[in-house]
Amino acid sequence: MANIKSQIKRNKQNVVARDRNKAVKSELRTRVKNAVAAVGTEDEETVLRAAIKRIDKAATKKVIHKNQAANKKSGLMKRIATLKENA
């Protein structure tokens, strides 16, 4: 444990940020999973749009890197295209 007052505060801030980032990443995984599951349904487009929006928002807030966001969106679109093709 740190003895320096500023470092104690920084450690507390890191805990809060870690929890927030963890929640955002968890939501990303859930939204992507829901988007893949919604392929072929009537609300497919809205669920996909919500997933892409959350990915972009996470990149904007620097929870994930912008290149990782681009890779996630690209992979999601490829998966959905493959599922549509096979269906």
N, C-alpha and C. Protein backbone atom coordinates (compact mmCIF):
# COMPACT_ATOMS: atom_id res chain seq x y z
N MET A 1 0.85 -1.18 0.00
CA MET A 1 0.00 0.00 0.00
C MET A 1 0.88 1.23 0.00
N ALA A 2 0.45 2.21 -0.78
CA ALA A 2 1.23 3.43 -0.91
C ALA A 2 1.10 4.31 0.34
N ASN A 3 2.16 5.04 0.62
CA ASN A 3 2.15 5.99 1.73
C ASN A 3 1.87 7.41 1.26
N ILE A 4 2.08 7.65 -0.03
CA ILE A 4 1.93 9.00 -0.57
C ILE A 4 0.44 9.26 -0.85
N LYS A 5 -0.01 10.43 -0.38
CA LYS A 5 -1.43 10.75 -0.45
C LYS A 5 -1.95 10.75 -1.89
N SER A 6 -1.18 11.32 -2.80
CA SER A 6 -1.63 11.39 -4.19
C SER A 6 -1.70 9.99 -4.82
N GLN A 7 -0.81 9.10 -4.41
CA GLN A 7 -0.83 7.75 -4.95
C GLN A 7 -2.01 6.93 -4.40
N ILE A 8 -2.35 7.19 -3.16
CA ILE A 8 -3.53 6.53 -2.57
C ILE A 8 -4.78 6.93 -3.35
N LYS A 9 -4.89 8.23 -3.66
CA LYS A 9 -6.03 8.72 -4.43
C LYS A 9 -6.02 8.12 -5.83
N ARG A 10 -4.85 8.04 -6.44
CA ARG A 10 -4.73 7.49 -7.79
C ARG A 10 -5.15 6.02 -7.81
N ASN A 11 -4.79 5.28 -6.77
CA ASN A 11 -5.17 3.87 -6.68
C ASN A 11 -6.69 3.72 -6.60
N LYS A 12 -7.34 4.60 -5.83
CA LYS A 12 -8.79 4.58 -5.74
C LYS A 12 -9.43 4.89 -7.09
N GLN A 13 -8.88 5.87 -7.79
CA GLN A 13 -9.40 6.24 -9.10
C GLN A 13 -9.24 5.08 -10.09
N ASN A 14 -8.11 4.38 -9.99
CA ASN A 14 -7.86 3.24 -10.88
C ASN A 14 -8.88 2.14 -10.67
N VAL A 15 -9.28 1.91 -9.43
CA VAL A 15 -10.27 0.88 -9.13
C VAL A 15 -11.61 1.24 -9.78
N VAL A 16 -12.00 2.49 -9.65
CA VAL A 16 -13.27 2.95 -10.22
C VAL A 16 -13.22 2.83 -11.75
N ALA A 17 -12.12 3.27 -12.36
CA ALA A 17 -11.99 3.21 -13.82
C ALA A 17 -11.98 1.76 -14.30
N ARG A 18 -11.31 0.88 -13.56
CA ARG A 18 -11.24 -0.53 -13.94
C ARG A 18 -12.63 -1.16 -13.94
N ASP A 19 -13.41 -0.85 -12.91
CA ASP A 19 -14.77 -1.38 -12.84
C ASP A 19 -15.64 -0.85 -13.99
N ARG A 20 -15.49 0.44 -14.30
CA ARG A 20 -16.26 1.03 -15.38
C ARG A 20 -15.88 0.40 -16.72
N ASN A 21 -14.57 0.25 -16.96
CA ASN A 21 -14.11 -0.34 -18.21
C ASN A 21 -14.55 -1.79 -18.33
N LYS A 22 -14.54 -2.50 -17.21
CA LYS A 22 -14.97 -3.90 -17.21
C LYS A 22 -16.43 -4.01 -17.61
N ALA A 23 -17.25 -3.11 -17.10
CA ALA A 23 -18.67 -3.11 -17.42
C ALA A 23 -18.89 -2.79 -18.90
N VAL A 24 -18.14 -1.85 -19.43
CA VAL A 24 -18.28 -1.47 -20.84
C VAL A 24 -17.88 -2.64 -21.74
N LYS A 25 -16.77 -3.30 -21.42
CA LYS A 25 -16.32 -4.43 -22.23
C LYS A 25 -17.31 -5.59 -22.17
N SER A 26 -17.88 -5.79 -21.00
CA SER A 26 -18.89 -6.84 -20.85
C SER A 26 -20.10 -6.53 -21.71
N GLU A 27 -20.52 -5.28 -21.71
CA GLU A 27 -21.66 -4.88 -22.53
C GLU A 27 -21.36 -5.05 -24.01
N LEU A 28 -20.12 -4.77 -24.42
CA LEU A 28 -19.73 -4.96 -25.82
C LEU A 28 -19.91 -6.41 -26.23
N ARG A 29 -19.42 -7.32 -25.39
CA ARG A 29 -19.53 -8.75 -25.71
C ARG A 29 -21.00 -9.16 -25.80
N THR A 30 -21.82 -8.65 -24.89
CA THR A 30 -23.25 -8.98 -24.89
C THR A 30 -23.93 -8.45 -26.15
N ARG A 31 -23.64 -7.21 -26.53
CA ARG A 31 -24.26 -6.61 -27.71
C ARG A 31 -23.86 -7.37 -28.98
N VAL A 32 -22.59 -7.76 -29.07
CA VAL A 32 -22.13 -8.51 -30.25
C VAL A 32 -22.82 -9.87 -30.30
N LYS A 33 -22.93 -10.53 -29.16
CA LYS A 33 -23.59 -11.83 -29.09
C LYS A 33 -25.06 -11.70 -29.50
N ASN A 34 -25.73 -10.65 -29.04
CA ASN A 34 -27.13 -10.42 -29.40
C ASN A 34 -27.28 -10.12 -30.89
N ALA A 35 -26.31 -9.38 -31.46
CA ALA A 35 -26.37 -9.05 -32.88
C ALA A 35 -26.24 -10.31 -33.73
N VAL A 36 -25.36 -11.21 -33.33
CA VAL A 36 -25.18 -12.46 -34.06
C VAL A 36 -26.43 -13.33 -33.92
N ALA A 37 -27.00 -13.35 -32.73
CA ALA A 37 -28.20 -14.16 -32.49
C ALA A 37 -29.42 -13.63 -33.23
N ALA A 38 -29.44 -12.33 -33.52
CA ALA A 38 -30.60 -11.70 -34.15
C ALA A 38 -30.61 -11.82 -35.67
N VAL A 39 -29.61 -12.48 -36.24
CA VAL A 39 -29.56 -12.60 -37.70
C VAL A 39 -30.78 -13.38 -38.18
N GLY A 40 -31.49 -12.79 -39.14
CA GLY A 40 -32.67 -13.43 -39.68
C GLY A 40 -33.98 -13.03 -39.02
N THR A 41 -33.91 -12.19 -38.00
CA THR A 41 -35.13 -11.74 -37.34
C THR A 41 -35.50 -10.35 -37.85
N GLU A 42 -36.66 -9.85 -37.45
CA GLU A 42 -37.11 -8.55 -37.94
C GLU A 42 -36.35 -7.39 -37.28
N ASP A 43 -35.82 -7.58 -36.08
CA ASP A 43 -35.09 -6.50 -35.41
C ASP A 43 -33.57 -6.64 -35.57
N GLU A 44 -33.16 -7.34 -36.61
CA GLU A 44 -31.73 -7.57 -36.87
C GLU A 44 -30.96 -6.27 -37.04
N GLU A 45 -31.50 -5.37 -37.84
CA GLU A 45 -30.79 -4.13 -38.15
C GLU A 45 -30.61 -3.25 -36.92
N THR A 46 -31.64 -3.14 -36.08
CA THR A 46 -31.54 -2.29 -34.90
C THR A 46 -30.55 -2.85 -33.89
N VAL A 47 -30.53 -4.17 -33.74
CA VAL A 47 -29.59 -4.79 -32.78
C VAL A 47 -28.16 -4.63 -33.28
N LEU A 48 -27.96 -4.80 -34.58
CA LEU A 48 -26.62 -4.63 -35.16
C LEU A 48 -26.16 -3.18 -35.01
N ARG A 49 -27.07 -2.25 -35.27
CA ARG A 49 -26.73 -0.83 -35.15
C ARG A 49 -26.35 -0.48 -33.70
N ALA A 50 -27.05 -1.07 -32.74
CA ALA A 50 -26.76 -0.82 -31.33
C ALA A 50 -25.38 -1.37 -30.96
N ALA A 51 -25.04 -2.54 -31.50
CA ALA A 51 -23.74 -3.15 -31.21
C ALA A 51 -22.62 -2.28 -31.77
N ILE A 52 -22.78 -1.81 -32.99
CA ILE A 52 -21.76 -0.97 -33.62
C ILE A 52 -21.63 0.35 -32.88
N LYS A 53 -22.75 0.88 -32.44
CA LYS A 53 -22.73 2.14 -31.69
C LYS A 53 -21.94 1.99 -30.39
N ARG A 54 -22.16 0.87 -29.69
CA ARG A 54 -21.44 0.65 -28.43
C ARG A 54 -19.95 0.45 -28.67
N ILE A 55 -19.59 -0.21 -29.75
CA ILE A 55 -18.18 -0.40 -30.08
C ILE A 55 -17.53 0.95 -30.34
N ASP A 56 -18.19 1.79 -31.13
CA ASP A 56 -17.67 3.12 -31.43
C ASP A 56 -17.56 3.97 -30.17
N LYS A 57 -18.56 3.87 -29.30
CA LYS A 57 -18.56 4.67 -28.08
C LYS A 57 -17.43 4.24 -27.16
N ALA A 58 -17.17 2.93 -27.08
CA ALA A 58 -16.06 2.44 -26.25
C ALA A 58 -14.73 2.95 -26.78
N ALA A 59 -14.60 3.02 -28.10
CA ALA A 59 -13.36 3.55 -28.68
C ALA A 59 -13.23 5.04 -28.43
N THR A 60 -14.34 5.76 -28.49
CA THR A 60 -14.32 7.20 -28.23
C THR A 60 -13.91 7.50 -26.80
N LYS A 61 -14.40 6.67 -25.86
CA LYS A 61 -14.09 6.86 -24.45
C LYS A 61 -12.74 6.25 -24.07
N LYS A 62 -12.05 5.67 -25.07
CA LYS A 62 -10.72 5.06 -24.89
C LYS A 62 -10.73 3.86 -23.96
N VAL A 63 -11.86 3.15 -23.93
CA VAL A 63 -11.91 1.89 -23.20
C VAL A 63 -11.20 0.83 -24.03
N ILE A 64 -11.41 0.89 -25.36
CA ILE A 64 -10.66 0.05 -26.28
C ILE A 64 -9.99 0.96 -27.31
N HIS A 65 -8.96 0.45 -27.96
CA HIS A 65 -8.24 1.22 -28.96
C HIS A 65 -9.08 1.33 -30.23
N LYS A 66 -8.89 2.40 -30.98
CA LYS A 66 -9.70 2.61 -32.19
C LYS A 66 -9.48 1.52 -33.21
N ASN A 67 -8.27 0.97 -33.29
CA ASN A 67 -8.02 -0.13 -34.23
C ASN A 67 -8.73 -1.40 -33.77
N GLN A 68 -8.79 -1.61 -32.47
CA GLN A 68 -9.51 -2.78 -31.96
C GLN A 68 -11.00 -2.64 -32.26
N ALA A 69 -11.51 -1.42 -32.16
CA ALA A 69 -12.91 -1.18 -32.49
C ALA A 69 -13.17 -1.49 -33.97
N ALA A 70 -12.26 -1.07 -34.83
CA ALA A 70 -12.40 -1.35 -36.26
C ALA A 70 -12.35 -2.85 -36.51
N ASN A 71 -11.46 -3.55 -35.84
CA ASN A 71 -11.36 -5.00 -36.00
C ASN A 71 -12.62 -5.70 -35.50
N LYS A 72 -13.16 -5.24 -34.38
CA LYS A 72 -14.38 -5.84 -33.85
C LYS A 72 -15.55 -5.64 -34.81
N LYS A 73 -15.68 -4.43 -35.35
CA LYS A 73 -16.77 -4.16 -36.28
C LYS A 73 -16.61 -4.99 -37.56
N SER A 74 -15.40 -5.08 -38.04
CA SER A 74 -15.14 -5.86 -39.25
C SER A 74 -15.45 -7.33 -39.03
N GLY A 75 -15.00 -7.87 -37.91
CA GLY A 75 -15.27 -9.27 -37.60
C GLY A 75 -16.74 -9.55 -37.42
N LEU A 76 -17.45 -8.61 -36.80
CA LEU A 76 -18.89 -8.76 -36.61
C LEU A 76 -19.61 -8.78 -37.94
N MET A 77 -19.25 -7.87 -38.83
CA MET A 77 -19.89 -7.81 -40.14
C MET A 77 -19.60 -9.07 -40.95
N LYS A 78 -18.39 -9.59 -40.86
CA LYS A 78 -18.04 -10.83 -41.56
C LYS A 78 -18.85 -12.00 -41.03
N ARG A 79 -18.98 -12.08 -39.71
CA ARG A 79 -19.77 -13.17 -39.11
C ARG A 79 -21.21 -13.11 -39.55
N ILE A 80 -21.77 -11.92 -39.56
CA ILE A 80 -23.17 -11.77 -39.93
C ILE A 80 -23.36 -12.09 -41.41
N ALA A 81 -22.41 -11.67 -42.26
CA ALA A 81 -22.51 -11.97 -43.68
C ALA A 81 -22.44 -13.47 -43.91
N THR A 82 -21.58 -14.15 -43.17
CA THR A 82 -21.46 -15.61 -43.30
C THR A 82 -22.75 -16.30 -42.86
N LEU A 83 -23.31 -15.83 -41.76
CA LEU A 83 -24.56 -16.43 -41.28
C LEU A 83 -25.71 -16.20 -42.26
N LYS A 84 -25.77 -15.02 -42.86
CA LYS A 84 -26.82 -14.73 -43.84
C LYS A 84 -26.64 -15.60 -45.08
N GLU A 85 -25.40 -15.77 -45.47
CA GLU A 85 -25.09 -16.57 -46.66
C GLU A 85 -25.48 -18.03 -46.48
N ASN A 86 -25.24 -18.56 -45.29
CA ASN A 86 -25.53 -19.97 -45.01
C ASN A 86 -27.02 -20.21 -44.76
N ALA A 87 -27.72 -19.16 -44.40
CA ALA A 87 -29.15 -19.33 -44.07
C ALA A 87 -30.05 -19.33 -45.29
